[in-house]
Each structure stands twice: as structure tokens, then as C-alpha cells.
């Protein structure tokens, strides 16, 4: 199931420039990647002094973004949205590719059942990630993600018991890719059910299907509407 696969972090590309200063090299890199000079790290590879240094020096500088470019753009994009919403929040990019929103208005941006945070994550990925093969950024705020994961694990076990009792598939609410992945992982060792993802984004959801005997046959004879897919 592709929902259970973790797409690796995009590689961070680099460029080498010959410039009169390190700041000039960082500006060139920022222009190339469409980010800010402060988002660029620089390493001097060599220095060529002109006329014993009297006429200045030429530096050979390697520059690269401090994180994958799409992630940096995502941080800037969401920061602009937060400013327009007049929310006291700052996006921080963690090492594992999560944008953590830190500030006093955490409860506002999470919203009811996390809907506002989900919407912000969805629109940010839609705008900032033009390559569908790259890993999407995920959002967290005020520890919401950990609480949500605990809730989803309990929900997965409960729905599995319900599907087994009814002998027919049970559909969950639409979820983000990481939420669906958590449901798949929680139930992958459960011998009584199997999980599938159906529908299209942003309404894609997990279907929990009972296994074994007559209950499995009933599930096959009367499948719910929608195309089945393992993606």
C-alpha cells in the first residue's frame, strides 16, 4: 500500500560559484532557488588573491539551501498566510520535515478536530510542491500531532472490532496521507481485517474490511461505492 510507504526526504542540491565575496555567492544561490540569502549556507573551497591581495580576492564558494528548497518555500508561504490571518505563530522546520507552528495562537490554527491545520497543510503542499514524487511537508502545532496519532490508533482498533462484528467493510472519515498511513500501520498485523484507501484527495479515506469466512464473502458481494485502490 503506497499510503504506508515513506517517501524519502528530497536531496539538497548545491552549486559552486566564483565570486568576490561570500555574500555574493549566497545571493546567486538564493536567486537560482527562489529563496532568501539567509536560507543559504556557504563554504569557501578556495581563495585566489589578486596581486598579493592588493586587488582583492576571488572566492570559489559552494552554496546550498539549509533544507530542501520546497520545504523552505513552504515555510515562507505559510508565514505569509499566518501574517495575513494576524496570528501570533512562527513556522519552524524540524529535522524530519515537519513544519511546527509555535506561538500563542496555536489553538486558533489547529481548529475544530484539526480541520484548520489540515487545510493549511493541504494548500501549502498544493502550492509549494509541484513535483508529486517528492515527500510532502507535514504540519504540527502545540503537540496536536502526537495527540491525534494516539486518537487514530484507538480509532483504528475500534473500527477493526466493528468491521469484524458486522462482517462488512467500515469506512472512516476523509484523512490526510499521514493519518491514513497511521491507520494502515496500526492494523497491518491484525489478522481479522485488512485496510484499503479509496477516493480522491482531499476526500480520500481508509476502508477497514473484515477477513475470513462468510463475513469476507459478504464484503465482496456488496462493496461500498468508490474505486478500490492500494494507493
Protein backbone atom coordinates (compact mmCIF):
# COMPACT_ATOMS: atom_id res chain seq x y z
CA UNK A 1 0.00 0.00 0.00
CA UNK A 2 1.54 3.27 -1.03
CA UNK A 3 -0.09 5.06 1.91
CA UNK A 4 2.17 3.07 4.22
CA UNK A 5 5.34 3.94 2.34
CA UNK A 6 7.53 6.81 3.47
CA UNK A 7 8.87 8.85 0.59
CA UNK A 8 12.44 9.89 1.44
CA UNK A 9 13.40 13.49 2.06
CA UNK A 10 14.43 15.30 -1.14
CA UNK A 11 18.17 15.67 -1.59
CA UNK A 12 19.64 19.11 -1.02
CA UNK A 13 21.33 20.34 -4.18
CA UNK A 14 24.39 22.58 -4.23
CA UNK A 15 26.16 24.96 -6.60
CA UNK A 16 29.68 26.33 -6.83
CA UNK A 17 30.26 29.99 -7.74
CA UNK A 18 33.38 32.12 -8.25
CA UNK A 19 32.62 35.46 -6.62
CA UNK A 20 34.24 38.46 -4.99
CA UNK A 21 32.54 37.68 -1.67
CA UNK A 22 30.64 35.00 0.20
CA UNK A 23 27.55 37.23 0.32
CA UNK A 24 27.58 37.47 -3.46
CA UNK A 25 27.67 33.68 -3.75
CA UNK A 26 24.75 33.33 -1.33
CA UNK A 27 22.72 35.88 -3.31
CA UNK A 28 23.36 33.97 -6.55
CA UNK A 29 22.25 30.74 -4.93
CA UNK A 30 19.13 32.38 -3.50
CA UNK A 31 18.20 33.76 -6.94
CA UNK A 32 18.66 30.32 -8.51
CA UNK A 33 16.41 28.55 -6.00
CA UNK A 34 13.88 31.32 -5.42
CA UNK A 35 14.60 31.65 -1.71
CA UNK A 36 16.29 34.24 0.55
CA UNK A 37 20.08 34.66 1.00
CA UNK A 38 19.71 33.87 4.72
CA UNK A 39 18.33 30.46 3.72
CA UNK A 40 21.63 29.60 2.00
CA UNK A 41 24.70 28.04 3.63
CA UNK A 42 28.13 28.78 2.12
CA UNK A 43 31.51 27.06 2.27
CA UNK A 44 34.69 28.61 0.83
CA UNK A 45 36.52 26.00 -1.27
CA UNK A 46 39.44 28.16 -2.33
CA UNK A 47 40.67 31.76 -2.45
CA UNK A 48 42.63 33.34 -5.32
CA UNK A 49 44.33 36.56 -4.23
CA UNK A 50 44.98 39.09 -6.98
CA UNK A 51 48.43 40.74 -6.94
CA UNK A 52 49.27 39.55 -3.43
CA UNK A 53 45.85 40.60 -2.21
CA UNK A 54 46.18 44.26 -3.16
CA UNK A 55 43.46 43.95 -5.81
CA UNK A 56 41.17 41.81 -3.71
CA UNK A 57 40.38 38.12 -3.96
CA UNK A 58 38.19 35.75 -5.92
CA UNK A 59 36.50 33.05 -3.89
CA UNK A 60 35.31 29.67 -5.05
CA UNK A 61 32.26 29.07 -2.89
CA UNK A 62 29.93 26.10 -2.55
CA UNK A 63 26.40 27.13 -1.60
CA UNK A 64 23.32 25.07 -0.73
CA UNK A 65 19.95 25.62 0.98
CA UNK A 66 19.84 24.72 4.67
CA UNK A 67 16.92 22.37 3.84
CA UNK A 68 15.16 21.05 0.70
CA UNK A 69 14.03 24.06 -1.35
CA UNK A 70 10.35 23.06 -1.40
CA UNK A 71 10.38 22.91 2.42
CA UNK A 72 11.93 26.37 2.72
CA UNK A 73 9.38 27.77 0.29
CA UNK A 74 6.64 26.11 2.34
CA UNK A 75 7.82 27.88 5.49
CA UNK A 76 7.82 31.27 3.76
CA UNK A 77 4.42 30.61 2.20
CA UNK A 78 2.73 29.61 5.46
CA UNK A 79 4.39 32.54 7.25
CA UNK A 80 2.74 34.92 4.77
CA UNK A 81 -0.64 33.26 5.37
CA UNK A 82 -0.24 33.49 9.15
CA UNK A 83 0.64 37.19 8.85
CA UNK A 84 -2.49 37.83 6.77
CA UNK A 85 -4.56 35.94 9.36
CA UNK A 86 -2.93 38.15 12.04
CA UNK A 87 -1.93 35.07 14.05
CA UNK A 88 0.95 35.10 16.52
CA UNK A 89 2.68 31.98 15.17
CA UNK A 90 6.11 31.21 13.72
CA UNK A 91 6.80 28.21 11.43
CA UNK A 92 9.81 26.14 12.44
CA UNK A 93 11.13 23.37 10.21
CA UNK A 94 12.18 20.26 12.11
CA UNK A 95 14.85 17.77 11.02
CA UNK A 96 12.26 15.21 9.93
CA UNK A 97 10.42 17.62 7.62
CA UNK A 98 7.59 18.78 9.89
CA UNK A 99 6.60 22.43 9.98
CA UNK A 100 5.86 23.13 13.64
CA UNK A 101 3.79 26.26 14.27
CA UNK A 102 4.90 27.87 17.52
CA UNK A 103 3.14 30.73 19.28
CA UNK A 104 0.21 31.95 21.35
CA UNK A 105 -2.46 31.32 18.69
CA UNK A 106 -1.89 27.57 18.46
CA UNK A 107 -5.49 26.73 19.32
CA UNK A 108 -6.82 29.00 16.57
CA UNK A 109 -4.76 27.47 13.77
CA UNK A 110 -5.50 23.89 14.86
CA UNK A 111 -9.23 24.45 14.62
CA UNK A 112 -12.06 22.02 15.38
CA UNK A 113 -10.80 18.45 15.03
CA UNK A 114 -7.65 19.86 13.41
CA UNK A 115 -9.51 20.98 10.30
CA UNK A 116 -7.77 24.37 10.03
CA UNK A 117 -4.32 22.81 10.41
CA UNK A 118 -5.19 20.15 7.82
CA UNK A 119 -6.40 22.80 5.37
CA UNK A 120 -3.23 24.85 5.86
CA UNK A 121 -1.09 21.76 5.26
CA UNK A 122 -3.06 20.83 2.13
CA UNK A 123 -2.92 24.27 0.48
CA UNK A 124 0.77 24.69 1.32
CA UNK A 125 1.69 21.38 -0.31
CA UNK A 126 -0.53 22.17 -3.29
CA UNK A 127 1.24 25.49 -3.89
CA UNK A 128 4.84 24.67 -2.92
CA UNK A 129 5.31 21.08 -4.14
CA UNK A 130 4.99 20.90 -7.90
CA UNK A 131 6.72 17.50 -8.07
CA UNK A 132 4.27 14.81 -6.90
CA UNK A 133 7.14 12.38 -6.34
CA UNK A 134 8.62 14.48 -3.52
CA UNK A 135 7.72 13.98 0.08
CA UNK A 136 5.09 16.43 1.32
CA UNK A 137 5.64 18.60 4.36
CA UNK A 138 3.55 17.80 7.41
CA UNK A 139 2.28 20.27 9.98
CA UNK A 140 2.16 20.23 13.76
CA UNK A 141 1.12 22.79 16.35
CA UNK A 142 1.09 22.67 20.13
CA UNK A 143 1.67 18.92 20.23
CA UNK A 144 -1.52 18.29 18.25
CA UNK A 145 0.09 15.70 16.02
CA UNK A 146 1.03 13.36 18.88
CA UNK A 147 -2.45 13.65 20.40
CA UNK A 148 -4.02 12.99 17.00
CA UNK A 149 -1.86 9.91 16.50
CA UNK A 150 -2.98 8.45 19.82
CA UNK A 151 -6.62 9.12 18.90
CA UNK A 152 -6.21 7.50 15.48
CA UNK A 153 -4.64 4.35 16.95
CA UNK A 154 -7.59 3.94 19.31
CA UNK A 155 -10.00 4.66 16.44
CA UNK A 156 -8.32 2.06 14.20
CA UNK A 157 -8.67 -0.67 16.82
CA UNK A 158 -12.29 0.28 17.47
CA UNK A 159 -13.21 0.27 13.77
CA UNK A 160 -11.48 -3.09 13.32
CA UNK A 161 -13.66 -4.59 16.05
CA UNK A 162 -16.74 -3.03 14.46
CA UNK A 163 -15.89 -4.40 11.00
CA UNK A 164 -15.34 -7.87 12.45
CA UNK A 165 -18.62 -7.74 14.40
CA UNK A 166 -20.67 -6.52 11.43
CA UNK A 167 -18.95 -8.76 8.91
CA UNK A 168 -18.84 -5.89 6.41
CA UNK A 169 -16.44 -3.07 5.48
CA UNK A 170 -16.44 0.11 7.57
CA UNK A 171 -15.31 3.45 6.12
CA UNK A 172 -13.51 6.11 8.11
CA UNK A 173 -13.74 9.87 7.62
CA UNK A 174 -11.53 11.55 4.97
CA UNK A 175 -7.95 11.87 6.23
CA UNK A 176 -4.59 13.24 5.21
CA UNK A 177 -1.95 10.84 3.88
CA UNK A 178 -0.07 10.59 7.21
CA UNK A 179 -3.33 9.88 9.07
CA UNK A 180 -4.25 7.12 6.61
CA UNK A 181 -0.74 5.72 6.87
CA UNK A 182 -1.08 5.52 10.65
CA UNK A 183 -4.36 3.58 10.33
CA UNK A 184 -2.71 1.14 7.88
CA UNK A 185 0.29 0.63 10.16
CA UNK A 186 -1.84 0.18 13.29
CA UNK A 187 -3.91 -2.59 11.68
CA UNK A 188 -1.37 -4.26 9.40
CA UNK A 189 -0.73 -7.09 11.88
CA UNK A 190 -4.43 -7.52 12.70
CA UNK A 191 -5.48 -10.94 11.34
CA UNK A 192 -9.18 -10.10 11.41
CA UNK A 193 -9.17 -7.14 8.99
CA UNK A 194 -7.39 -5.56 6.06
CA UNK A 195 -7.22 -1.88 5.14
CA UNK A 196 -7.56 -0.12 1.81
CA UNK A 197 -7.63 3.50 0.69
CA UNK A 198 -10.45 4.72 -1.55
CA UNK A 199 -11.47 8.00 -3.12
CA UNK A 200 -9.56 11.02 -4.34
CA UNK A 201 -7.82 13.81 -2.43
CA UNK A 202 -8.88 15.64 -0.33
CA UNK A 203 -11.71 13.15 0.35
CA UNK A 204 -9.51 10.06 0.33
CA UNK A 205 -10.32 7.70 3.22
CA UNK A 206 -9.48 4.29 4.70
CA UNK A 207 -11.78 1.30 4.36
CA UNK A 208 -11.46 -1.42 7.00
CA UNK A 209 -12.59 -4.80 5.65
CA UNK A 210 -13.19 -8.00 7.70
CA UNK A 211 -11.28 -11.15 6.75
CA UNK A 212 -12.29 -14.79 6.86
CA UNK A 213 -15.33 -16.92 6.17
CA UNK A 214 -18.75 -15.65 5.29
CA UNK A 215 -18.04 -12.14 6.50
CA UNK A 216 -15.37 -11.72 3.83
CA UNK A 217 -17.74 -13.00 1.15
CA UNK A 218 -20.45 -10.55 2.23
CA UNK A 219 -17.95 -7.75 1.98
CA UNK A 220 -17.08 -8.85 -1.56
CA UNK A 221 -20.69 -9.18 -2.74
CA UNK A 222 -21.72 -5.73 -1.57
CA UNK A 223 -18.71 -3.43 -1.78
CA UNK A 224 -19.20 0.24 -0.92
CA UNK A 225 -19.22 2.82 -3.64
CA UNK A 226 -15.92 4.10 -4.92
CA UNK A 227 -12.90 2.63 -6.63
CA UNK A 228 -10.70 0.35 -4.63
CA UNK A 229 -7.03 1.16 -4.62
CA UNK A 230 -3.97 0.32 -2.59
CA UNK A 231 -2.60 3.79 -3.00
